PDB file of N, CA and C in Angstrom:
ATOM      1  N   UNK A   1      75.268 123.371  88.512  1.00  0.00           N
ATOM      2  CA  UNK A   1      75.205 122.350  89.540  1.00  0.00           C
ATOM      3  C   UNK A   1      75.670 122.948  90.862  1.00  0.00           C
ATOM      4  N   UNK A   2      74.981 122.614  91.907  1.00  0.00           N
ATOM      5  CA  UNK A   2      75.282 123.168  93.222  1.00  0.00           C
ATOM      6  C   UNK A   2      76.001 122.121  94.061  1.00  0.00           C
ATOM      7  N   UNK A   3      77.253 122.383  94.344  1.00  0.00           N
ATOM      8  CA  UNK A   3      78.042 121.445  95.140  1.00  0.00           C
ATOM      9  C   UNK A   3      78.165 121.979  96.557  1.00  0.00           C
ATOM     10  N   UNK A   4      77.309 121.503  97.425  1.00  0.00           N
ATOM     11  CA  UNK A   4      77.354 121.981  98.803  1.00  0.00           C
ATOM     12  C   UNK A   4      78.090 120.985  99.698  1.00  0.00           C
ATOM     13  N   UNK A   5      79.185 120.457  99.175  1.00  0.00           N
ATOM     14  CA  UNK A   5      80.015 119.523  99.923  1.00  0.00           C
ATOM     15  C   UNK A   5      80.833 120.252 100.981  1.00  0.00           C
ATOM     16  N   UNK A   6      81.169 119.523 102.022  1.00  0.00           N
ATOM     17  CA  UNK A   6      82.195 119.998 102.947  1.00  0.00           C
ATOM     18  C   UNK A   6      83.540 119.675 102.280  1.00  0.00           C
ATOM     19  N   UNK A   7      84.619 120.192 102.831  1.00  0.00           N
ATOM     20  CA  UNK A   7      85.932 119.854 102.255  1.00  0.00           C
ATOM     21  C   UNK A   7      86.216 118.358 102.397  1.00  0.00           C
ATOM     22  N   UNK A   8      85.738 117.749 103.471  1.00  0.00           N
ATOM     23  CA  UNK A   8      85.927 116.298 103.664  1.00  0.00           C
ATOM     24  C   UNK A   8      85.167 115.517 102.598  1.00  0.00           C
ATOM     25  N   UNK A   9      83.950 115.964 102.287  1.00  0.00           N
ATOM     26  CA  UNK A   9      83.170 115.293 101.246  1.00  0.00           C
ATOM     27  C   UNK A   9      83.846 115.460  99.888  1.00  0.00           C
ATOM     28  N   UNK A  10      84.393 116.647  99.645  1.00  0.00           N
ATOM     29  CA  UNK A  10      85.130 116.868  98.399  1.00  0.00           C
ATOM     30  C   UNK A  10      86.340 115.941  98.335  1.00  0.00           C
ATOM     31  N   UNK A  11      87.075 115.856  99.440  1.00  0.00           N
ATOM     32  CA  UNK A  11      88.239 114.970  99.488  1.00  0.00           C
ATOM     33  C   UNK A  11      87.800 113.526  99.209  1.00  0.00           C
ATOM     34  N   UNK A  12      86.695 113.114  99.807  1.00  0.00           N
ATOM     35  CA  UNK A  12      86.171 111.770  99.572  1.00  0.00           C
ATOM     36  C   UNK A  12      85.863 111.565  98.092  1.00  0.00           C
ATOM     37  N   UNK A  13      85.232 112.561  97.473  1.00  0.00           N
ATOM     38  CA  UNK A  13      84.869 112.469  96.057  1.00  0.00           C
ATOM     39  C   UNK A  13      86.116 112.285  95.193  1.00  0.00           C
ATOM     40  N   UNK A  14      87.132 113.110  95.447  1.00  0.00           N
ATOM     41  CA  UNK A  14      88.363 113.047  94.647  1.00  0.00           C
ATOM     42  C   UNK A  14      89.059 111.700  94.844  1.00  0.00           C
ATOM     43  N   UNK A  15      89.181 111.260  96.081  1.00  0.00           N
ATOM     44  CA  UNK A  15      89.890 110.005  96.352  1.00  0.00           C
ATOM     45  C   UNK A  15      89.114 108.800  95.818  1.00  0.00           C
ATOM     46  N   UNK A  16      87.800 108.834  95.953  1.00  0.00           N
ATOM     47  CA  UNK A  16      86.998 107.738  95.401  1.00  0.00           C
ATOM     48  C   UNK A  16      87.028 107.743  93.874  1.00  0.00           C
ATOM     49  N   UNK A  17      87.049 108.928  93.297  1.00  0.00           N
ATOM     50  CA  UNK A  17      87.191 109.006  91.838  1.00  0.00           C
ATOM     51  C   UNK A  17      88.530 108.397  91.419  1.00  0.00           C
ATOM     52  N   UNK A  18      89.578 108.736  92.143  1.00  0.00           N
ATOM     53  CA  UNK A  18      90.908 108.185  91.840  1.00  0.00           C
ATOM     54  C   UNK A  18      90.885 106.657  91.946  1.00  0.00           C
ATOM     55  N   UNK A  19      90.262 106.142  92.995  1.00  0.00           N
ATOM     56  CA  UNK A  19      90.208 104.695  93.196  1.00  0.00           C
ATOM     57  C   UNK A  19      89.378 104.014  92.106  1.00  0.00           C
ATOM     58  N   UNK A  20      88.353 104.704  91.643  1.00  0.00           N
ATOM     59  CA  UNK A  20      87.403 104.110  90.701  1.00  0.00           C
ATOM     60  C   UNK A  20      87.785 104.345  89.231  1.00  0.00           C
ATOM     61  N   UNK A  21      88.791 105.165  88.973  1.00  0.00           N
ATOM     62  CA  UNK A  21      89.065 105.592  87.588  1.00  0.00           C
ATOM     63  C   UNK A  21      89.382 104.432  86.648  1.00  0.00           C
ATOM     64  N   UNK A  22      89.968 103.356  87.168  1.00  0.00           N
ATOM     65  CA  UNK A  22      90.258 102.212  86.294  1.00  0.00           C
ATOM     66  C   UNK A  22      89.189 101.121  86.441  1.00  0.00           C
ATOM     67  N   UNK A  23      88.084 101.480  87.095  1.00  0.00           N
ATOM     68  CA  UNK A  23      86.920 100.604  87.282  1.00  0.00           C
ATOM     69  C   UNK A  23      87.234  99.367  88.123  1.00  0.00           C
ATOM     70  N   UNK A  24      88.345  99.427  88.854  1.00  0.00           N
ATOM     71  CA  UNK A  24      88.698  98.361  89.791  1.00  0.00           C
ATOM     72  C   UNK A  24      88.981  99.027  91.121  1.00  0.00           C
ATOM     73  N   UNK A  25      88.096  98.837  92.070  1.00  0.00           N
ATOM     74  CA  UNK A  25      88.325  99.401  93.399  1.00  0.00           C
ATOM     75  C   UNK A  25      88.904  98.328  94.282  1.00  0.00           C
ATOM     76  N   UNK A  26      90.159  98.446  94.547  1.00  0.00           N
ATOM     77  CA  UNK A  26      90.875  97.482  95.363  1.00  0.00           C
ATOM     78  C   UNK A  26      90.558  97.704  96.846  1.00  0.00           C
ATOM     79  N   UNK A  27      90.546  96.627  97.622  1.00  0.00           N
ATOM     80  CA  UNK A  27      90.284  96.749  99.062  1.00  0.00           C
ATOM     81  C   UNK A  27      91.313  97.659  99.729  1.00  0.00           C
ATOM     82  N   UNK A  28      92.567  97.577  99.306  1.00  0.00           N
ATOM     83  CA  UNK A  28      93.615  98.435  99.880  1.00  0.00           C
ATOM     84  C   UNK A  28      93.343  99.913  99.605  1.00  0.00           C
ATOM     85  N   UNK A  29      92.826 100.196  98.413  1.00  0.00           N
ATOM     86  CA  UNK A  29      92.455 101.580  98.083  1.00  0.00           C
ATOM     87  C   UNK A  29      91.324 102.046  98.996  1.00  0.00           C
ATOM     88  N   UNK A  30      90.313 101.203  99.154  1.00  0.00           N
ATOM     89  CA  UNK A  30      89.191 101.559 100.026  1.00  0.00           C
ATOM     90  C   UNK A  30      89.653 101.754 101.470  1.00  0.00           C
ATOM     91  N   UNK A  31      90.524 100.861 101.940  1.00  0.00           N
ATOM     92  CA  UNK A  31      91.023 100.968 103.314  1.00  0.00           C
ATOM     93  C   UNK A  31      91.779 102.281 103.521  1.00  0.00           C
ATOM     94  N   UNK A  32      92.584 102.664 102.534  1.00  0.00           N
ATOM     95  CA  UNK A  32      93.318 103.931 102.648  1.00  0.00           C
ATOM     96  C   UNK A  32      92.338 105.105 102.730  1.00  0.00           C
ATOM     97  N   UNK A  33      91.336 105.106 101.863  1.00  0.00           N
ATOM     98  CA  UNK A  33      90.358 106.201 101.861  1.00  0.00           C
ATOM     99  C   UNK A  33      89.610 106.238 103.194  1.00  0.00           C
ATOM    100  N   UNK A  34      89.255 105.068 103.706  1.00  0.00           N
ATOM    101  CA  UNK A  34      88.550 105.010 104.997  1.00  0.00           C
ATOM    102  C   UNK A  34      89.443 105.446 106.162  1.00  0.00           C
ATOM    103  N   UNK A  35      90.747 105.435 105.964  1.00  0.00           N
ATOM    104  CA  UNK A  35      91.649 105.941 107.008  1.00  0.00           C
ATOM    105  C   UNK A  35      91.642 107.475 107.022  1.00  0.00           C
ATOM    106  N   UNK A  36      91.161 108.079 105.943  1.00  0.00           N
ATOM    107  CA  UNK A  36      91.127 109.541 105.816  1.00  0.00           C
ATOM    108  C   UNK A  36      89.725 110.117 106.003  1.00  0.00           C
ATOM    109  N   UNK A  37      88.704 109.287 105.726  1.00  0.00           N
ATOM    110  CA  UNK A  37      87.325 109.767 105.696  1.00  0.00           C
ATOM    111  C   UNK A  37      86.434 108.787 106.463  1.00  0.00           C
ATOM    112  N   UNK A  38      85.482 109.314 107.204  1.00  0.00           N
ATOM    113  CA  UNK A  38      84.596 108.430 107.969  1.00  0.00           C
ATOM    114  C   UNK A  38      83.697 107.619 107.034  1.00  0.00           C
ATOM    115  N   UNK A  39      83.206 106.511 107.555  1.00  0.00           N
ATOM    116  CA  UNK A  39      82.449 105.552 106.748  1.00  0.00           C
ATOM    117  C   UNK A  39      81.158 106.138 106.178  1.00  0.00           C
ATOM    118  N   UNK A  40      80.480 106.967 106.950  1.00  0.00           N
ATOM    119  CA  UNK A  40      79.221 107.573 106.491  1.00  0.00           C
ATOM    120  C   UNK A  40      79.479 108.438 105.251  1.00  0.00           C
ATOM    121  N   UNK A  41      80.503 109.286 105.321  1.00  0.00           N
ATOM    122  CA  UNK A  41      80.871 110.144 104.187  1.00  0.00           C
ATOM    123  C   UNK A  41      81.288 109.287 102.999  1.00  0.00           C
ATOM    124  N   UNK A  42      82.082 108.264 103.269  1.00  0.00           N
ATOM    125  CA  UNK A  42      82.545 107.343 102.224  1.00  0.00           C
ATOM    126  C   UNK A  42      81.354 106.797 101.435  1.00  0.00           C
ATOM    127  N   UNK A  43      80.360 106.247 102.139  1.00  0.00           N
ATOM    128  CA  UNK A  43      79.223 105.623 101.462  1.00  0.00           C
ATOM    129  C   UNK A  43      78.326 106.652 100.772  1.00  0.00           C
ATOM    130  N   UNK A  44      78.162 107.808 101.405  1.00  0.00           N
ATOM    131  CA  UNK A  44      77.340 108.873 100.817  1.00  0.00           C
ATOM    132  C   UNK A  44      77.928 109.314  99.470  1.00  0.00           C
ATOM    133  N   UNK A  45      79.228 109.518  99.437  1.00  0.00           N
ATOM    134  CA  UNK A  45      79.900 110.041  98.239  1.00  0.00           C
ATOM    135  C   UNK A  45      80.172 108.935  97.216  1.00  0.00           C
ATOM    136  N   UNK A  46      80.405 107.720  97.684  1.00  0.00           N
ATOM    137  CA  UNK A  46      80.756 106.606  96.792  1.00  0.00           C
ATOM    138  C   UNK A  46      79.727 106.423  95.683  1.00  0.00           C
ATOM    139  N   UNK A  47      78.456 106.426  96.040  1.00  0.00           N
ATOM    140  CA  UNK A  47      77.396 106.239  95.051  1.00  0.00           C
ATOM    141  C   UNK A  47      77.448 107.334  93.991  1.00  0.00           C
ATOM    142  N   UNK A  48      77.655 108.562  94.428  1.00  0.00           N
ATOM    143  CA  UNK A  48      77.699 109.691  93.492  1.00  0.00           C
ATOM    144  C   UNK A  48      78.857 109.534  92.503  1.00  0.00           C
ATOM    145  N   UNK A  49      80.020 109.135  93.001  1.00  0.00           N
ATOM    146  CA  UNK A  49      81.195 108.960  92.133  1.00  0.00           C
ATOM    147  C   UNK A  49      80.929 107.896  91.075  1.00  0.00           C
ATOM    148  N   UNK A  50      80.354 106.780  91.494  1.00  0.00           N
ATOM    149  CA  UNK A  50      80.123 105.658  90.582  1.00  0.00           C
ATOM    150  C   UNK A  50      79.059 105.990  89.534  1.00  0.00           C
ATOM    151  N   UNK A  51      78.030 106.732  89.937  1.00  0.00           N
ATOM    152  CA  UNK A  51      76.937 107.077  89.023  1.00  0.00           C
ATOM    153  C   UNK A  51      77.375 108.143  88.003  1.00  0.00           C
ATOM    154  N   UNK A  52      78.206 109.088  88.433  1.00  0.00           N
ATOM    155  CA  UNK A  52      78.664 110.154  87.530  1.00  0.00           C
ATOM    156  C   UNK A  52      79.586 109.602  86.444  1.00  0.00           C
ATOM    157  N   UNK A  53      79.548 110.225  85.281  1.00  0.00           N
ATOM    158  CA  UNK A  53      80.479 109.864  84.206  1.00  0.00           C
ATOM    159  C   UNK A  53      81.845 110.478  84.516  1.00  0.00           C
ATOM    160  N   UNK A  54      82.865 110.041  83.797  1.00  0.00           N
ATOM    161  CA  UNK A  54      84.207 110.619  83.984  1.00  0.00           C
ATOM    162  C   UNK A  54      84.169 112.131  83.804  1.00  0.00           C
ATOM    163  N   UNK A  55      83.442 112.569  82.776  1.00  0.00           N
ATOM    164  CA  UNK A  55      83.351 114.003  82.502  1.00  0.00           C
ATOM    165  C   UNK A  55      82.693 114.741  83.669  1.00  0.00           C
ATOM    166  N   UNK A  56      81.611 114.169  84.200  1.00  0.00           N
ATOM    167  CA  UNK A  56      80.942 114.780  85.357  1.00  0.00           C
ATOM    168  C   UNK A  56      81.863 114.795  86.573  1.00  0.00           C
ATOM    169  N   UNK A  57      82.604 113.699  86.788  1.00  0.00           N
ATOM    170  CA  UNK A  57      83.546 113.646  87.900  1.00  0.00           C
ATOM    171  C   UNK A  57      84.523 114.817  87.824  1.00  0.00           C
ATOM    172  N   UNK A  58      85.141 114.977  86.685  1.00  0.00           N
ATOM    173  CA  UNK A  58      86.153 116.032  86.530  1.00  0.00           C
ATOM    174  C   UNK A  58      85.536 117.423  86.591  1.00  0.00           C
ATOM    175  N   UNK A  59      84.351 117.595  86.008  1.00  0.00           N
ATOM    176  CA  UNK A  59      83.678 118.899  86.066  1.00  0.00           C
ATOM    177  C   UNK A  59      83.363 119.289  87.508  1.00  0.00           C
ATOM    178  N   UNK A  60      82.878 118.328  88.297  1.00  0.00           N
ATOM    179  CA  UNK A  60      82.556 118.610  89.699  1.00  0.00           C
ATOM    180  C   UNK A  60      83.813 118.977  90.488  1.00  0.00           C
ATOM    181  N   UNK A  61      84.890 118.243  90.240  1.00  0.00           N
ATOM    182  CA  UNK A  61      86.151 118.519  90.942  1.00  0.00           C
ATOM    183  C   UNK A  61      86.638 119.921  90.602  1.00  0.00           C
ATOM    184  N   UNK A  62      86.638 120.250  89.311  1.00  0.00           N
ATOM    185  CA  UNK A  62      87.099 121.579  88.893  1.00  0.00           C
ATOM    186  C   UNK A  62      86.197 122.676  89.436  1.00  0.00           C
ATOM    187  N   UNK A  63      84.889 122.461  89.389  1.00  0.00           N
ATOM    188  CA  UNK A  63      83.954 123.476  89.882  1.00  0.00           C
ATOM    189  C   UNK A  63      84.155 123.711  91.377  1.00  0.00           C
ATOM    190  N   UNK A  64      84.285 122.640  92.145  1.00  0.00           N
ATOM    191  CA  UNK A  64      84.442 122.787  93.595  1.00  0.00           C
ATOM    192  C   UNK A  64      85.735 123.545  93.904  1.00  0.00           C
ATOM    193  N   UNK A  65      86.795 123.208  93.214  1.00  0.00           N
ATOM    194  CA  UNK A  65      88.070 123.903  93.429  1.00  0.00           C
ATOM    195  C   UNK A  65      87.954 125.383  93.085  1.00  0.00           C
ATOM    196  N   UNK A  66      87.227 125.679  92.009  1.00  0.00           N
ATOM    197  CA  UNK A  66      87.050 127.059  91.572  1.00  0.00           C
ATOM    198  C   UNK A  66      86.243 127.867  92.590  1.00  0.00           C
ATOM    199  N   UNK A  67      85.215 127.223  93.165  1.00  0.00           N
ATOM    200  CA  UNK A  67      84.300 127.930  94.066  1.00  0.00           C
ATOM    201  C   UNK A  67      84.783 127.999  95.513  1.00  0.00           C
ATOM    202  N   UNK A  68      85.815 127.243  95.847  1.00  0.00           N
ATOM    203  CA  UNK A  68      86.288 127.185  97.231  1.00  0.00           C
ATOM    204  C   UNK A  68      87.774 127.494  97.297  1.00  0.00           C
ATOM    205  N   UNK A  69      88.152 128.188  98.343  1.00  0.00           N
ATOM    206  CA  UNK A  69      89.557 128.553  98.505  1.00  0.00           C
ATOM    207  C   UNK A  69      90.342 127.401  99.108  1.00  0.00           C
ATOM    208  N   UNK A  70      91.338 126.970  98.387  1.00  0.00           N
ATOM    209  CA  UNK A  70      92.249 125.950  98.880  1.00  0.00           C
ATOM    210  C   UNK A  70      93.648 126.551  98.926  1.00  0.00           C
ATOM    211  N   UNK A  71      94.322 126.353 100.029  1.00  0.00           N
ATOM    212  CA  UNK A  71      95.707 126.820 100.106  1.00  0.00           C
ATOM    213  C   UNK A  71      96.562 125.867  99.277  1.00  0.00           C
ATOM    214  N   UNK A  72      97.758 126.305  98.941  1.00  0.00           N
ATOM    215  CA  UNK A  72      98.663 125.427  98.195  1.00  0.00           C
ATOM    216  C   UNK A  72      98.982 124.183  99.021  1.00  0.00           C
ATOM    217  N   UNK A  73      99.081 124.356 100.331  1.00  0.00           N
ATOM    218  CA  UNK A  73      99.349 123.218 101.226  1.00  0.00           C
ATOM    219  C   UNK A  73      98.215 122.199 101.150  1.00  0.00           C
ATOM    220  N   UNK A  74      96.960 122.669 101.153  1.00  0.00           N
ATOM    221  CA  UNK A  74      95.810 121.758 101.038  1.00  0.00           C
ATOM    222  C   UNK A  74      95.818 121.037  99.689  1.00  0.00           C
ATOM    223  N   UNK A  75      96.157 121.766  98.630  1.00  0.00           N
ATOM    224  CA  UNK A  75      96.225 121.150  97.298  1.00  0.00           C
ATOM    225  C   UNK A  75      97.328 120.087  97.250  1.00  0.00           C
ATOM    226  N   UNK A  76      98.483 120.415  97.817  1.00  0.00           N
ATOM    227  CA  UNK A  76      99.599 119.463  97.839  1.00  0.00           C
ATOM    228  C   UNK A  76      99.227 118.208  98.616  1.00  0.00           C
ATOM    229  N   UNK A  77      98.543 118.398  99.746  1.00  0.00           N
ATOM    230  CA  UNK A  77      98.116 117.268 100.575  1.00  0.00           C
ATOM    231  C   UNK A  77      97.114 116.391  99.819  1.00  0.00           C
ATOM    232  N   UNK A  78      96.199 117.021  99.099  1.00  0.00           N
ATOM    233  CA  UNK A  78      95.221 116.283  98.308  1.00  0.00           C
ATOM    234  C   UNK A  78      95.925 115.456  97.227  1.00  0.00           C
ATOM    235  N   UNK A  79      96.897 116.047  96.552  1.00  0.00           N
ATOM    236  CA  UNK A  79      97.642 115.317  95.519  1.00  0.00           C
ATOM    237  C   UNK A  79      98.425 114.155  96.130  1.00  0.00           C
ATOM    238  N   UNK A  80      98.987 114.353  97.325  1.00  0.00           N
ATOM    239  CA  UNK A  80      99.690 113.261  98.012  1.00  0.00           C
ATOM    240  C   UNK A  80      98.719 112.122  98.335  1.00  0.00           C
ATOM    241  N   UNK A  81      97.521 112.476  98.783  1.00  0.00           N
ATOM    242  CA  UNK A  81      96.513 111.461  99.109  1.00  0.00           C
ATOM    243  C   UNK A  81      96.080 110.695  97.857  1.00  0.00           C
ATOM    244  N   UNK A  82      95.948 111.397  96.743  1.00  0.00           N
ATOM    245  CA  UNK A  82      95.591 110.739  95.476  1.00  0.00           C
ATOM    246  C   UNK A  82      96.670 109.723  95.112  1.00  0.00           C
ATOM    247  N   UNK A  83      97.928 110.121  95.245  1.00  0.00           N
ATOM    248  CA  UNK A  83      99.036 109.200  94.957  1.00  0.00           C
ATOM    249  C   UNK A  83      98.955 107.970  95.847  1.00  0.00           C
ATOM    250  N   UNK A  84      98.626 108.182  97.123  1.00  0.00           N
ATOM    251  CA  UNK A  84      98.514 107.056  98.064  1.00  0.00           C
ATOM    252  C   UNK A  84      97.416 106.090  97.633  1.00  0.00           C
ATOM    253  N   UNK A  85      96.319 106.620  97.131  1.00  0.00           N
ATOM    254  CA  UNK A  85      95.240 105.758  96.637  1.00  0.00           C
ATOM    255  C   UNK A  85      95.763 104.911  95.482  1.00  0.00           C
ATOM    256  N   UNK A  86      96.450 105.544  94.545  1.00  0.00           N
ATOM    257  CA  UNK A  86      96.948 104.824  93.378  1.00  0.00           C
ATOM    258  C   UNK A  86      97.958 103.744  93.765  1.00  0.00           C
ATOM    259  N   UNK A  87      98.798 104.028  94.752  1.00  0.00           N
ATOM    260  CA  UNK A  87      99.832 103.063  95.148  1.00  0.00           C
ATOM    261  C   UNK A  87      99.327 102.036  96.156  1.00  0.00           C
ATOM    262  N   UNK A  88      98.126 102.215  96.668  1.00  0.00           N
ATOM    263  CA  UNK A  88      97.600 101.340  97.722  1.00  0.00           C
ATOM    264  C   UNK A  88      97.541  99.874  97.298  1.00  0.00           C
ATOM    265  N   UNK A  89      97.259  99.638  96.025  1.00  0.00           N
ATOM    266  CA  UNK A  89      97.156  98.243  95.571  1.00  0.00           C
ATOM    267  C   UNK A  89      98.489  97.717  95.041  1.00  0.00           C
ATOM    268  N   UNK A  90      99.562  98.489  95.207  1.00  0.00           N
ATOM    269  CA  UNK A  90     100.891  98.011  94.848  1.00  0.00           C
ATOM    270  C   UNK A  90     101.362  98.362  93.451  1.00  0.00           C
ATOM    271  N   UNK A  91     100.469  98.855  92.614  1.00  0.00           N
ATOM    272  CA  UNK A  91     100.897  99.238  91.263  1.00  0.00           C
ATOM    273  C   UNK A  91     100.029 100.373  90.742  1.00  0.00           C
ATOM    274  N   UNK A  92     100.580 101.100  89.786  1.00  0.00           N
ATOM    275  CA  UNK A  92      99.843 102.198  89.163  1.00  0.00           C
ATOM    276  C   UNK A  92      99.689 101.849  87.684  1.00  0.00           C
ATOM    277  N   UNK A  93      98.450 101.723  87.233  1.00  0.00           N
ATOM    278  CA  UNK A  93      98.233 101.346  85.836  1.00  0.00           C
ATOM    279  C   UNK A  93      98.109 102.578  84.931  1.00  0.00           C
ATOM    280  N   UNK A  94      97.934 102.316  83.655  1.00  0.00           N
ATOM    281  CA  UNK A  94      97.855 103.369  82.638  1.00  0.00           C
ATOM    282  C   UNK A  94      96.780 104.403  82.964  1.00  0.00           C
ATOM    283  N   UNK A  95      95.578 103.917  83.313  1.00  0.00           N
ATOM    284  CA  UNK A  95      94.469 104.838  83.589  1.00  0.00           C
ATOM    285  C   UNK A  95      94.768 105.711  84.802  1.00  0.00           C
ATOM    286  N   UNK A  96      95.348 105.097  85.819  1.00  0.00           N
ATOM    287  CA  UNK A  96      95.666 105.858  87.026  1.00  0.00           C
ATOM    288  C   UNK A  96      96.704 106.947  86.734  1.00  0.00           C
ATOM    289  N   UNK A  97      97.700 106.612  85.931  1.00  0.00           N
ATOM    290  CA  UNK A  97      98.710 107.621  85.553  1.00  0.00           C
ATOM    291  C   UNK A  97      98.062 108.766  84.781  1.00  0.00           C
ATOM    292  N   UNK A  98      97.190 108.403  83.857  1.00  0.00           N
ATOM    293  CA  UNK A  98      96.506 109.406  83.041  1.00  0.00           C
ATOM    294  C   UNK A  98      95.635 110.313  83.921  1.00  0.00           C
ATOM    295  N   UNK A  99      94.851 109.705  84.804  1.00  0.00           N
ATOM    296  CA  UNK A  99      93.961 110.471  85.689  1.00  0.00           C
ATOM    297  C   UNK A  99      94.779 111.334  86.649  1.00  0.00           C
ATOM    298  N   UNK A 100      95.903 110.823  87.133  1.00  0.00           N
ATOM    299  CA  UNK A 100      96.721 111.633  88.035  1.00  0.00           C
ATOM    300  C   UNK A 100      97.209 112.888  87.315  1.00  0.00           C
ATOM    301  N   UNK A 101      97.611 112.748  86.070  1.00  0.00           N
ATOM    302  CA  UNK A 101      98.048 113.894  85.280  1.00  0.00           C
ATOM    303  C   UNK A 101      96.947 114.928  85.152  1.00  0.00           C
ATOM    304  N   UNK A 102      95.741 114.466  84.887  1.00  0.00           N
ATOM    305  CA  UNK A 102      94.576 115.361  84.748  1.00  0.00           C
ATOM    306  C   UNK A 102      94.271 116.044  86.084  1.00  0.00           C
ATOM    307  N   UNK A 103      94.253 115.261  87.176  1.00  0.00           N
ATOM    308  CA  UNK A 103      93.943 115.827  88.484  1.00  0.00           C
ATOM    309  C   UNK A 103      95.027 116.794  88.942  1.00  0.00           C
ATOM    310  N   UNK A 104      96.278 116.457  88.649  1.00  0.00           N
ATOM    311  CA  UNK A 104      97.387 117.336  89.040  1.00  0.00           C
ATOM    312  C   UNK A 104      97.235 118.703  88.359  1.00  0.00           C
ATOM    313  N   UNK A 105      96.855 118.664  87.106  1.00  0.00           N
ATOM    314  CA  UNK A 105      96.642 119.895  86.349  1.00  0.00           C
ATOM    315  C   UNK A 105      95.452 120.678  86.914  1.00  0.00           C
ATOM    316  N   UNK A 106      94.357 119.960  87.219  1.00  0.00           N
ATOM    317  CA  UNK A 106      93.129 120.601  87.716  1.00  0.00           C
ATOM    318  C   UNK A 106      93.320 121.183  89.111  1.00  0.00           C
ATOM    319  N   UNK A 107      94.018 120.449  89.964  1.00  0.00           N
ATOM    320  CA  UNK A 107      94.177 120.873  91.346  1.00  0.00           C
ATOM    321  C   UNK A 107      95.265 121.927  91.488  1.00  0.00           C
ATOM    322  N   UNK A 108      96.336 121.752  90.712  1.00  0.00           N
ATOM    323  CA  UNK A 108      97.411 122.740  90.712  1.00  0.00           C
ATOM    324  C   UNK A 108      98.367 122.509  91.805  1.00  0.00           C
TER     325      UNK A 108
END
């Protein structure tokens, strides 16, 4: 699979995946993501995240990270943003905790 995303598109994919992982996309989660990513990118990537299976989501994230150089600072910032998505609706559920563990491991 060829992922010709920009880093912003990748960030959008990861954050939208985080928001969508429990199949409930809260308005607060969307608002937080839109504060980080422009609306055009949001809508372009949103469809892809929703259509892909969980396995495809994680494979794409891992592949993009493998093929692109991310500094530790960029990885840390991405993990902080993921946490913000999870906390945006005021609580973190079981699925979100599980997905955060997986993403933390994948992103490093």
